[in-house]
Amino acid sequence: MAHRSTTPGQVTSRLPLSTVLGLGLASGLIGGTIMTLTQKGEQSLTSRPNSYVPARTLERLIGVRAQTDLQLWGLNMAMHYGQGAVAGMVRAYMSWRGVRGPFADLMFVGVRLLLDQTLENWTGVGALPWTWPVEEQILDILHKTVFAVATGYVLDKWIA
């Protein structure tokens, strides 16, 4: 009989939920790092500039305005990795409840996109993604997929 990666609706780990959420935070940071590395690789090939939409979104959320490029970069990193950490906790809960493997990663791509787009559009910083050029849509989905697979792989190994 083949091994099933998913047993939905059941807690399939002996780890307490608090530990699982901590692992989710860590795996989201790992996934964010891997996504950043692939983005930098893609940018070196495509000459696409850095996006500061995450920084501008965080500025609106917390009511501050970056005064220097270094502050803008810091806000960008805080939002980028903060969203990754929060999303990682969602994926950790999925794994803890038995939703694991490639199909779980595919579902998680939507969670990661939803998190970004909800905050960016709620604050008025972003544009609806279907209004973006197709190439940008493809790149965003590709990078969020890298994040989802990296985060999910780490979590499924840690929580199983």
N, C-alpha and C. Protein backbone atom coordinates (compact mmCIF):
# COMPACT_ATOMS: atom_id res chain seq x y z
N MET A 1 0.84 -1.18 0.00
CA MET A 1 0.00 0.00 0.00
C MET A 1 0.89 1.25 0.00
N ALA A 2 0.53 2.24 -0.77
CA ALA A 2 1.31 3.47 -0.88
C ALA A 2 1.13 4.33 0.36
N HIS A 3 2.18 5.06 0.70
CA HIS A 3 2.14 5.99 1.84
C HIS A 3 1.32 7.22 1.46
N ARG A 4 0.40 7.60 2.31
CA ARG A 4 -0.40 8.82 2.08
C ARG A 4 0.27 9.98 2.79
N SER A 5 0.36 11.10 2.09
CA SER A 5 0.99 12.27 2.70
C SER A 5 0.00 13.05 3.57
N THR A 6 -1.28 12.85 3.36
CA THR A 6 -2.27 13.64 4.05
C THR A 6 -3.29 12.77 4.76
N THR A 7 -3.55 13.09 6.01
CA THR A 7 -4.63 12.48 6.79
C THR A 7 -5.40 13.64 7.41
N PRO A 8 -6.27 14.27 6.61
CA PRO A 8 -6.90 15.51 7.08
C PRO A 8 -7.83 15.30 8.28
N GLY A 9 -7.88 16.34 9.09
CA GLY A 9 -8.84 16.35 10.20
C GLY A 9 -8.37 15.66 11.44
N GLN A 10 -7.15 15.15 11.44
CA GLN A 10 -6.64 14.46 12.61
C GLN A 10 -5.32 15.09 13.02
N VAL A 11 -5.11 15.22 14.32
CA VAL A 11 -3.80 15.64 14.79
C VAL A 11 -2.89 14.43 14.61
N THR A 12 -1.88 14.58 13.77
CA THR A 12 -1.03 13.44 13.42
C THR A 12 0.39 13.61 13.94
N SER A 13 0.56 14.48 14.93
CA SER A 13 1.87 14.72 15.52
C SER A 13 1.72 14.70 17.03
N ARG A 14 2.76 14.27 17.71
CA ARG A 14 2.74 14.27 19.17
C ARG A 14 3.20 15.59 19.74
N LEU A 15 3.61 16.50 18.88
CA LEU A 15 4.09 17.80 19.34
C LEU A 15 2.91 18.66 19.83
N PRO A 16 3.12 19.44 20.88
CA PRO A 16 2.06 20.36 21.30
C PRO A 16 1.90 21.49 20.29
N LEU A 17 0.71 22.06 20.24
CA LEU A 17 0.42 23.11 19.27
C LEU A 17 1.37 24.29 19.42
N SER A 18 1.74 24.65 20.63
CA SER A 18 2.65 25.79 20.82
C SER A 18 4.00 25.53 20.14
N THR A 19 4.49 24.32 20.23
CA THR A 19 5.75 23.96 19.56
C THR A 19 5.57 24.00 18.05
N VAL A 20 4.44 23.48 17.58
CA VAL A 20 4.15 23.47 16.14
C VAL A 20 4.12 24.89 15.59
N LEU A 21 3.48 25.81 16.30
CA LEU A 21 3.42 27.19 15.83
C LEU A 21 4.80 27.84 15.83
N GLY A 22 5.63 27.51 16.81
CA GLY A 22 7.01 28.00 16.82
C GLY A 22 7.80 27.47 15.64
N LEU A 23 7.60 26.19 15.31
CA LEU A 23 8.24 25.61 14.13
C LEU A 23 7.73 26.28 12.86
N GLY A 24 6.45 26.65 12.86
CA GLY A 24 5.88 27.36 11.72
C GLY A 24 6.53 28.71 11.52
N LEU A 25 6.75 29.43 12.61
CA LEU A 25 7.45 30.71 12.53
C LEU A 25 8.83 30.52 11.91
N ALA A 26 9.57 29.54 12.41
CA ALA A 26 10.92 29.29 11.91
C ALA A 26 10.91 28.87 10.45
N SER A 27 9.99 27.98 10.10
CA SER A 27 9.96 27.51 8.71
C SER A 27 9.52 28.61 7.76
N GLY A 28 8.66 29.51 8.23
CA GLY A 28 8.27 30.66 7.40
C GLY A 28 9.45 31.57 7.13
N LEU A 29 10.33 31.72 8.12
CA LEU A 29 11.55 32.51 7.91
C LEU A 29 12.49 31.82 6.94
N ILE A 30 12.58 30.50 7.05
CA ILE A 30 13.40 29.74 6.10
C ILE A 30 12.82 29.86 4.69
N GLY A 31 11.51 29.66 4.57
CA GLY A 31 10.85 29.80 3.26
C GLY A 31 11.03 31.19 2.68
N GLY A 32 10.94 32.21 3.55
CA GLY A 32 11.14 33.59 3.10
C GLY A 32 12.55 33.82 2.60
N THR A 33 13.52 33.21 3.26
CA THR A 33 14.91 33.34 2.83
C THR A 33 15.12 32.67 1.47
N ILE A 34 14.59 31.48 1.31
CA ILE A 34 14.73 30.78 0.03
C ILE A 34 14.02 31.55 -1.09
N MET A 35 12.83 32.08 -0.79
CA MET A 35 12.12 32.88 -1.80
C MET A 35 12.95 34.11 -2.17
N THR A 36 13.55 34.76 -1.18
CA THR A 36 14.37 35.94 -1.46
C THR A 36 15.55 35.59 -2.35
N LEU A 37 16.19 34.47 -2.07
CA LEU A 37 17.33 34.06 -2.91
C LEU A 37 16.90 33.80 -4.35
N THR A 38 15.75 33.16 -4.53
CA THR A 38 15.28 32.91 -5.91
C THR A 38 14.85 34.21 -6.58
N GLN A 39 14.29 35.15 -5.80
CA GLN A 39 13.93 36.45 -6.38
C GLN A 39 15.18 37.19 -6.84
N LYS A 40 16.23 37.17 -6.04
CA LYS A 40 17.46 37.85 -6.41
C LYS A 40 18.07 37.20 -7.66
N GLY A 41 18.00 35.88 -7.74
CA GLY A 41 18.47 35.19 -8.95
C GLY A 41 17.66 35.58 -10.17
N GLU A 42 16.35 35.60 -10.01
CA GLU A 42 15.46 36.02 -11.11
C GLU A 42 15.75 37.46 -11.52
N GLN A 43 15.93 38.35 -10.54
CA GLN A 43 16.19 39.76 -10.84
C GLN A 43 17.52 39.94 -11.58
N SER A 44 18.49 39.10 -11.28
CA SER A 44 19.77 39.21 -12.00
C SER A 44 19.62 38.80 -13.46
N LEU A 45 18.66 37.93 -13.73
CA LEU A 45 18.41 37.50 -15.12
C LEU A 45 17.48 38.45 -15.87
N THR A 46 16.50 39.02 -15.16
CA THR A 46 15.46 39.83 -15.83
C THR A 46 15.68 41.34 -15.69
N SER A 47 16.58 41.74 -14.81
CA SER A 47 16.81 43.16 -14.50
C SER A 47 15.59 43.83 -13.87
N ARG A 48 14.71 43.04 -13.29
CA ARG A 48 13.54 43.59 -12.60
C ARG A 48 14.01 44.28 -11.33
N PRO A 49 13.55 45.50 -11.07
CA PRO A 49 13.99 46.21 -9.86
C PRO A 49 13.33 45.65 -8.60
N ASN A 50 13.89 46.01 -7.45
CA ASN A 50 13.29 45.64 -6.18
C ASN A 50 11.90 46.27 -6.06
N SER A 51 11.03 45.57 -5.37
CA SER A 51 9.71 46.11 -5.07
C SER A 51 9.70 46.60 -3.63
N TYR A 52 9.16 47.78 -3.44
CA TYR A 52 9.03 48.31 -2.09
C TYR A 52 7.57 48.35 -1.65
N VAL A 53 6.72 47.60 -2.33
CA VAL A 53 5.31 47.50 -1.93
C VAL A 53 5.19 46.95 -0.51
N PRO A 54 5.97 45.91 -0.13
CA PRO A 54 5.86 45.46 1.27
C PRO A 54 6.17 46.57 2.27
N ALA A 55 7.21 47.35 2.02
CA ALA A 55 7.56 48.45 2.93
C ALA A 55 6.45 49.49 2.99
N ARG A 56 5.92 49.86 1.85
CA ARG A 56 4.86 50.87 1.81
C ARG A 56 3.60 50.35 2.52
N THR A 57 3.34 49.06 2.38
CA THR A 57 2.19 48.46 3.07
C THR A 57 2.39 48.54 4.58
N LEU A 58 3.58 48.17 5.04
CA LEU A 58 3.85 48.22 6.48
C LEU A 58 3.80 49.67 7.00
N GLU A 59 4.29 50.61 6.21
CA GLU A 59 4.19 52.02 6.61
C GLU A 59 2.74 52.39 6.91
N ARG A 60 1.85 51.99 6.03
CA ARG A 60 0.42 52.32 6.22
C ARG A 60 -0.16 51.58 7.43
N LEU A 61 0.25 50.34 7.61
CA LEU A 61 -0.30 49.55 8.72
C LEU A 61 0.10 50.09 10.08
N ILE A 62 1.34 50.57 10.20
CA ILE A 62 1.81 51.03 11.51
C ILE A 62 1.89 52.54 11.63
N GLY A 63 1.55 53.26 10.57
CA GLY A 63 1.48 54.71 10.63
C GLY A 63 2.81 55.43 10.70
N VAL A 64 3.81 54.91 10.02
CA VAL A 64 5.11 55.58 9.96
C VAL A 64 5.48 55.82 8.50
N ARG A 65 6.50 56.63 8.30
CA ARG A 65 7.00 56.87 6.95
C ARG A 65 8.52 56.78 7.00
N ALA A 66 9.10 55.93 6.16
CA ALA A 66 10.56 55.79 6.11
C ALA A 66 11.17 57.11 5.66
N GLN A 67 12.21 57.52 6.37
CA GLN A 67 12.89 58.77 6.05
C GLN A 67 14.16 58.56 5.22
N THR A 68 14.68 57.34 5.24
CA THR A 68 15.91 57.04 4.51
C THR A 68 15.73 55.74 3.72
N ASP A 69 16.63 55.52 2.78
CA ASP A 69 16.60 54.26 2.04
C ASP A 69 16.83 53.06 2.95
N LEU A 70 17.68 53.24 3.96
CA LEU A 70 17.94 52.16 4.92
C LEU A 70 16.68 51.84 5.71
N GLN A 71 15.93 52.84 6.12
CA GLN A 71 14.67 52.59 6.83
C GLN A 71 13.67 51.90 5.92
N LEU A 72 13.61 52.31 4.65
CA LEU A 72 12.71 51.68 3.70
C LEU A 72 13.06 50.21 3.52
N TRP A 73 14.36 49.94 3.39
CA TRP A 73 14.83 48.56 3.25
C TRP A 73 14.46 47.75 4.51
N GLY A 74 14.65 48.35 5.69
CA GLY A 74 14.31 47.67 6.94
C GLY A 74 12.82 47.34 7.04
N LEU A 75 11.98 48.29 6.65
CA LEU A 75 10.54 48.02 6.64
C LEU A 75 10.20 46.93 5.63
N ASN A 76 10.87 46.94 4.49
CA ASN A 76 10.63 45.93 3.47
C ASN A 76 10.95 44.54 4.02
N MET A 77 12.11 44.42 4.67
CA MET A 77 12.52 43.13 5.23
C MET A 77 11.60 42.70 6.36
N ALA A 78 11.20 43.65 7.21
CA ALA A 78 10.30 43.32 8.31
C ALA A 78 8.98 42.77 7.79
N MET A 79 8.43 43.41 6.76
CA MET A 79 7.15 42.95 6.20
C MET A 79 7.33 41.62 5.47
N HIS A 80 8.38 41.52 4.70
CA HIS A 80 8.65 40.31 3.92
C HIS A 80 8.78 39.09 4.84
N TYR A 81 9.65 39.21 5.83
CA TYR A 81 9.87 38.07 6.72
C TYR A 81 8.74 37.91 7.75
N GLY A 82 8.13 39.01 8.15
CA GLY A 82 6.99 38.92 9.07
C GLY A 82 5.82 38.17 8.45
N GLN A 83 5.52 38.49 7.21
CA GLN A 83 4.43 37.77 6.52
C GLN A 83 4.81 36.30 6.35
N GLY A 84 6.07 36.04 6.05
CA GLY A 84 6.52 34.65 5.91
C GLY A 84 6.35 33.88 7.21
N ALA A 85 6.69 34.51 8.33
CA ALA A 85 6.58 33.85 9.63
C ALA A 85 5.11 33.57 9.98
N VAL A 86 4.25 34.55 9.75
CA VAL A 86 2.82 34.36 10.03
C VAL A 86 2.25 33.26 9.14
N ALA A 87 2.57 33.31 7.86
CA ALA A 87 2.09 32.29 6.94
C ALA A 87 2.63 30.92 7.33
N GLY A 88 3.87 30.87 7.80
CA GLY A 88 4.45 29.60 8.23
C GLY A 88 3.65 28.97 9.35
N MET A 89 3.09 29.79 10.24
CA MET A 89 2.27 29.24 11.33
C MET A 89 0.99 28.61 10.78
N VAL A 90 0.43 29.20 9.72
CA VAL A 90 -0.76 28.60 9.09
C VAL A 90 -0.39 27.24 8.51
N ARG A 91 0.75 27.17 7.81
CA ARG A 91 1.16 25.90 7.20
C ARG A 91 1.51 24.88 8.27
N ALA A 92 2.05 25.32 9.40
CA ALA A 92 2.35 24.42 10.51
C ALA A 92 1.07 23.79 11.05
N TYR A 93 0.04 24.60 11.19
CA TYR A 93 -1.23 24.07 11.68
C TYR A 93 -1.80 23.06 10.69
N MET A 94 -1.67 23.35 9.39
CA MET A 94 -2.11 22.40 8.37
C MET A 94 -1.40 21.06 8.56
N SER A 95 -0.08 21.11 8.70
CA SER A 95 0.71 19.88 8.85
C SER A 95 0.34 19.14 10.13
N TRP A 96 0.17 19.89 11.20
CA TRP A 96 -0.19 19.30 12.50
C TRP A 96 -1.53 18.58 12.42
N ARG A 97 -2.45 19.13 11.61
CA ARG A 97 -3.78 18.53 11.45
C ARG A 97 -3.79 17.46 10.35
N GLY A 98 -2.62 17.12 9.82
CA GLY A 98 -2.52 16.01 8.88
C GLY A 98 -2.57 16.40 7.42
N VAL A 99 -2.59 17.69 7.12
CA VAL A 99 -2.62 18.14 5.72
C VAL A 99 -1.19 18.44 5.32
N ARG A 100 -0.59 17.48 4.60
CA ARG A 100 0.84 17.55 4.27
C ARG A 100 1.08 17.21 2.81
N GLY A 101 2.32 17.41 2.41
CA GLY A 101 2.76 16.98 1.10
C GLY A 101 2.51 18.00 0.01
N PRO A 102 2.73 17.59 -1.24
CA PRO A 102 2.66 18.51 -2.38
C PRO A 102 1.29 19.17 -2.55
N PHE A 103 0.22 18.46 -2.31
CA PHE A 103 -1.10 19.07 -2.47
C PHE A 103 -1.32 20.15 -1.41
N ALA A 104 -0.84 19.90 -0.19
CA ALA A 104 -0.92 20.91 0.86
C ALA A 104 -0.11 22.15 0.47
N ASP A 105 1.06 21.92 -0.14
CA ASP A 105 1.88 23.05 -0.59
C ASP A 105 1.14 23.86 -1.65
N LEU A 106 0.47 23.18 -2.56
CA LEU A 106 -0.29 23.87 -3.60
C LEU A 106 -1.40 24.73 -2.99
N MET A 107 -2.11 24.19 -2.01
CA MET A 107 -3.15 24.98 -1.34
C MET A 107 -2.53 26.17 -0.62
N PHE A 108 -1.35 25.96 -0.05
CA PHE A 108 -0.69 27.00 0.72
C PHE A 108 -0.21 28.16 -0.15
N VAL A 109 0.04 27.93 -1.43
CA VAL A 109 0.38 29.03 -2.34
C VAL A 109 -0.74 30.08 -2.29
N GLY A 110 -1.97 29.61 -2.32
CA GLY A 110 -3.11 30.53 -2.26
C GLY A 110 -3.17 31.30 -0.96
N VAL A 111 -2.83 30.64 0.14
CA VAL A 111 -2.81 31.32 1.45
C VAL A 111 -1.79 32.44 1.43
N ARG A 112 -0.61 32.15 0.90
CA ARG A 112 0.47 33.16 0.87
C ARG A 112 0.09 34.34 -0.03
N LEU A 113 -0.50 34.05 -1.19
CA LEU A 113 -0.95 35.12 -2.08
C LEU A 113 -2.06 35.94 -1.43
N LEU A 114 -2.97 35.27 -0.76
CA LEU A 114 -4.08 35.95 -0.09
C LEU A 114 -3.58 36.91 0.99
N LEU A 115 -2.60 36.48 1.75
CA LEU A 115 -2.04 37.32 2.80
C LEU A 115 -1.45 38.60 2.21
N ASP A 116 -0.61 38.44 1.19
CA ASP A 116 -0.01 39.62 0.53
C ASP A 116 -1.08 40.55 -0.03
N GLN A 117 -1.94 39.99 -0.84
CA GLN A 117 -2.90 40.82 -1.58
C GLN A 117 -3.92 41.49 -0.67
N THR A 118 -4.33 40.82 0.37
CA THR A 118 -5.29 41.42 1.30
C THR A 118 -4.68 42.66 1.95
N LEU A 119 -3.48 42.53 2.47
CA LEU A 119 -2.85 43.67 3.14
C LEU A 119 -2.51 44.79 2.17
N GLU A 120 -1.95 44.44 1.02
CA GLU A 120 -1.55 45.47 0.05
C GLU A 120 -2.75 46.24 -0.49
N ASN A 121 -3.83 45.55 -0.74
CA ASN A 121 -5.00 46.23 -1.29
C ASN A 121 -5.84 46.91 -0.21
N TRP A 122 -5.89 46.33 0.98
CA TRP A 122 -6.62 46.94 2.08
C TRP A 122 -6.01 48.29 2.46
N THR A 123 -4.67 48.38 2.39
CA THR A 123 -3.99 49.63 2.72
C THR A 123 -3.97 50.61 1.55
N GLY A 124 -4.38 50.17 0.37
CA GLY A 124 -4.38 51.04 -0.80
C GLY A 124 -3.04 51.14 -1.50
N VAL A 125 -2.09 50.33 -1.10
CA VAL A 125 -0.75 50.38 -1.69
C VAL A 125 -0.69 49.57 -2.98
N GLY A 126 -1.32 48.41 -2.99
CA GLY A 126 -1.22 47.51 -4.13
C GLY A 126 -2.35 47.68 -5.12
N ALA A 127 -2.17 47.03 -6.23
CA ALA A 127 -3.22 46.95 -7.26
C ALA A 127 -3.71 45.51 -7.31
N LEU A 128 -4.93 45.32 -7.73
CA LEU A 128 -5.45 43.96 -7.85
C LEU A 128 -4.56 43.16 -8.80
N PRO A 129 -4.16 41.96 -8.42
CA PRO A 129 -3.16 41.23 -9.20
C PRO A 129 -3.56 40.92 -10.64
N TRP A 130 -4.85 40.79 -10.91
CA TRP A 130 -5.25 40.50 -12.28
C TRP A 130 -5.13 41.73 -13.18
N THR A 131 -4.80 42.89 -12.58
CA THR A 131 -4.55 44.09 -13.39
C THR A 131 -3.07 44.25 -13.71
N TRP A 132 -2.22 43.41 -13.13
CA TRP A 132 -0.78 43.48 -13.37
C TRP A 132 -0.46 42.92 -14.76
N PRO A 133 0.70 43.28 -15.30
CA PRO A 133 1.16 42.61 -16.52
C PRO A 133 1.30 41.10 -16.26
N VAL A 134 1.02 40.30 -17.25
CA VAL A 134 1.03 38.85 -17.10
C VAL A 134 2.38 38.36 -16.57
N GLU A 135 3.48 38.93 -17.06
CA GLU A 135 4.80 38.50 -16.62
C GLU A 135 4.98 38.68 -15.11
N GLU A 136 4.46 39.79 -14.57
CA GLU A 136 4.55 40.02 -13.13
C GLU A 136 3.68 39.04 -12.35
N GLN A 137 2.52 38.71 -12.89
CA GLN A 137 1.66 37.72 -12.23
C GLN A 137 2.38 36.38 -12.15
N ILE A 138 2.99 35.98 -13.26
CA ILE A 138 3.68 34.69 -13.31
C ILE A 138 4.83 34.67 -12.30
N LEU A 139 5.62 35.74 -12.27
CA LEU A 139 6.75 35.80 -11.34
C LEU A 139 6.28 35.76 -9.89
N ASP A 140 5.21 36.48 -9.56
CA ASP A 140 4.72 36.49 -8.19
C ASP A 140 4.24 35.10 -7.78
N ILE A 141 3.50 34.46 -8.65
CA ILE A 141 3.01 33.10 -8.35
C ILE A 141 4.18 32.14 -8.23
N LEU A 142 5.17 32.27 -9.10
CA LEU A 142 6.35 31.41 -9.04
C LEU A 142 7.08 31.58 -7.70
N HIS A 143 7.32 32.82 -7.30
CA HIS A 143 8.04 33.05 -6.05
C HIS A 143 7.23 32.60 -4.84
N LYS A 144 5.93 32.80 -4.85
CA LYS A 144 5.10 32.33 -3.73
C LYS A 144 5.06 30.80 -3.69
N THR A 145 5.16 30.16 -4.87
CA THR A 145 5.22 28.70 -4.92
C THR A 145 6.53 28.21 -4.30
N VAL A 146 7.63 28.87 -4.61
CA VAL A 146 8.91 28.52 -3.99
C VAL A 146 8.79 28.63 -2.47
N PHE A 147 8.21 29.73 -2.00
CA PHE A 147 8.01 29.90 -0.56
C PHE A 147 7.18 28.76 0.02
N ALA A 148 6.07 28.44 -0.63
CA ALA A 148 5.15 27.42 -0.11
C ALA A 148 5.80 26.04 -0.06
N VAL A 149 6.51 25.68 -1.10
CA VAL A 149 7.15 24.36 -1.15
C VAL A 149 8.29 24.28 -0.12
N ALA A 150 9.11 25.32 -0.03
CA ALA A 150 10.21 25.31 0.94
C ALA A 150 9.68 25.25 2.37
N THR A 151 8.70 26.08 2.67
CA THR A 151 8.12 26.12 4.02
C THR A 151 7.45 24.79 4.34
N GLY A 152 6.67 24.28 3.40
CA GLY A 152 5.97 23.02 3.62
C GLY A 152 6.90 21.84 3.77
N TYR A 153 7.96 21.81 2.97
CA TYR A 153 8.92 20.69 3.05
C TYR A 153 9.55 20.64 4.45
N VAL A 154 10.02 21.79 4.90
CA VAL A 154 10.66 21.86 6.22
C VAL A 154 9.67 21.44 7.31
N LEU A 155 8.48 22.00 7.25
CA LEU A 155 7.49 21.69 8.29
C LEU A 155 7.08 20.23 8.31
N ASP A 156 6.82 19.69 7.13
CA ASP A 156 6.39 18.29 7.08
C ASP A 156 7.46 17.35 7.65
N LYS A 157 8.71 17.70 7.46
CA LYS A 157 9.81 16.90 8.04
C LYS A 157 9.86 17.07 9.56
N TRP A 158 9.70 18.31 10.03
CA TRP A 158 9.79 18.57 11.46
C TRP A 158 8.60 18.04 12.24
N ILE A 159 7.41 18.12 11.65
CA ILE A 159 6.19 17.82 12.41
C ILE A 159 5.76 16.37 12.30
N ALA A 160 6.13 15.71 11.24
CA ALA A 160 5.69 14.32 11.01
C ALA A 160 6.06 13.40 12.15
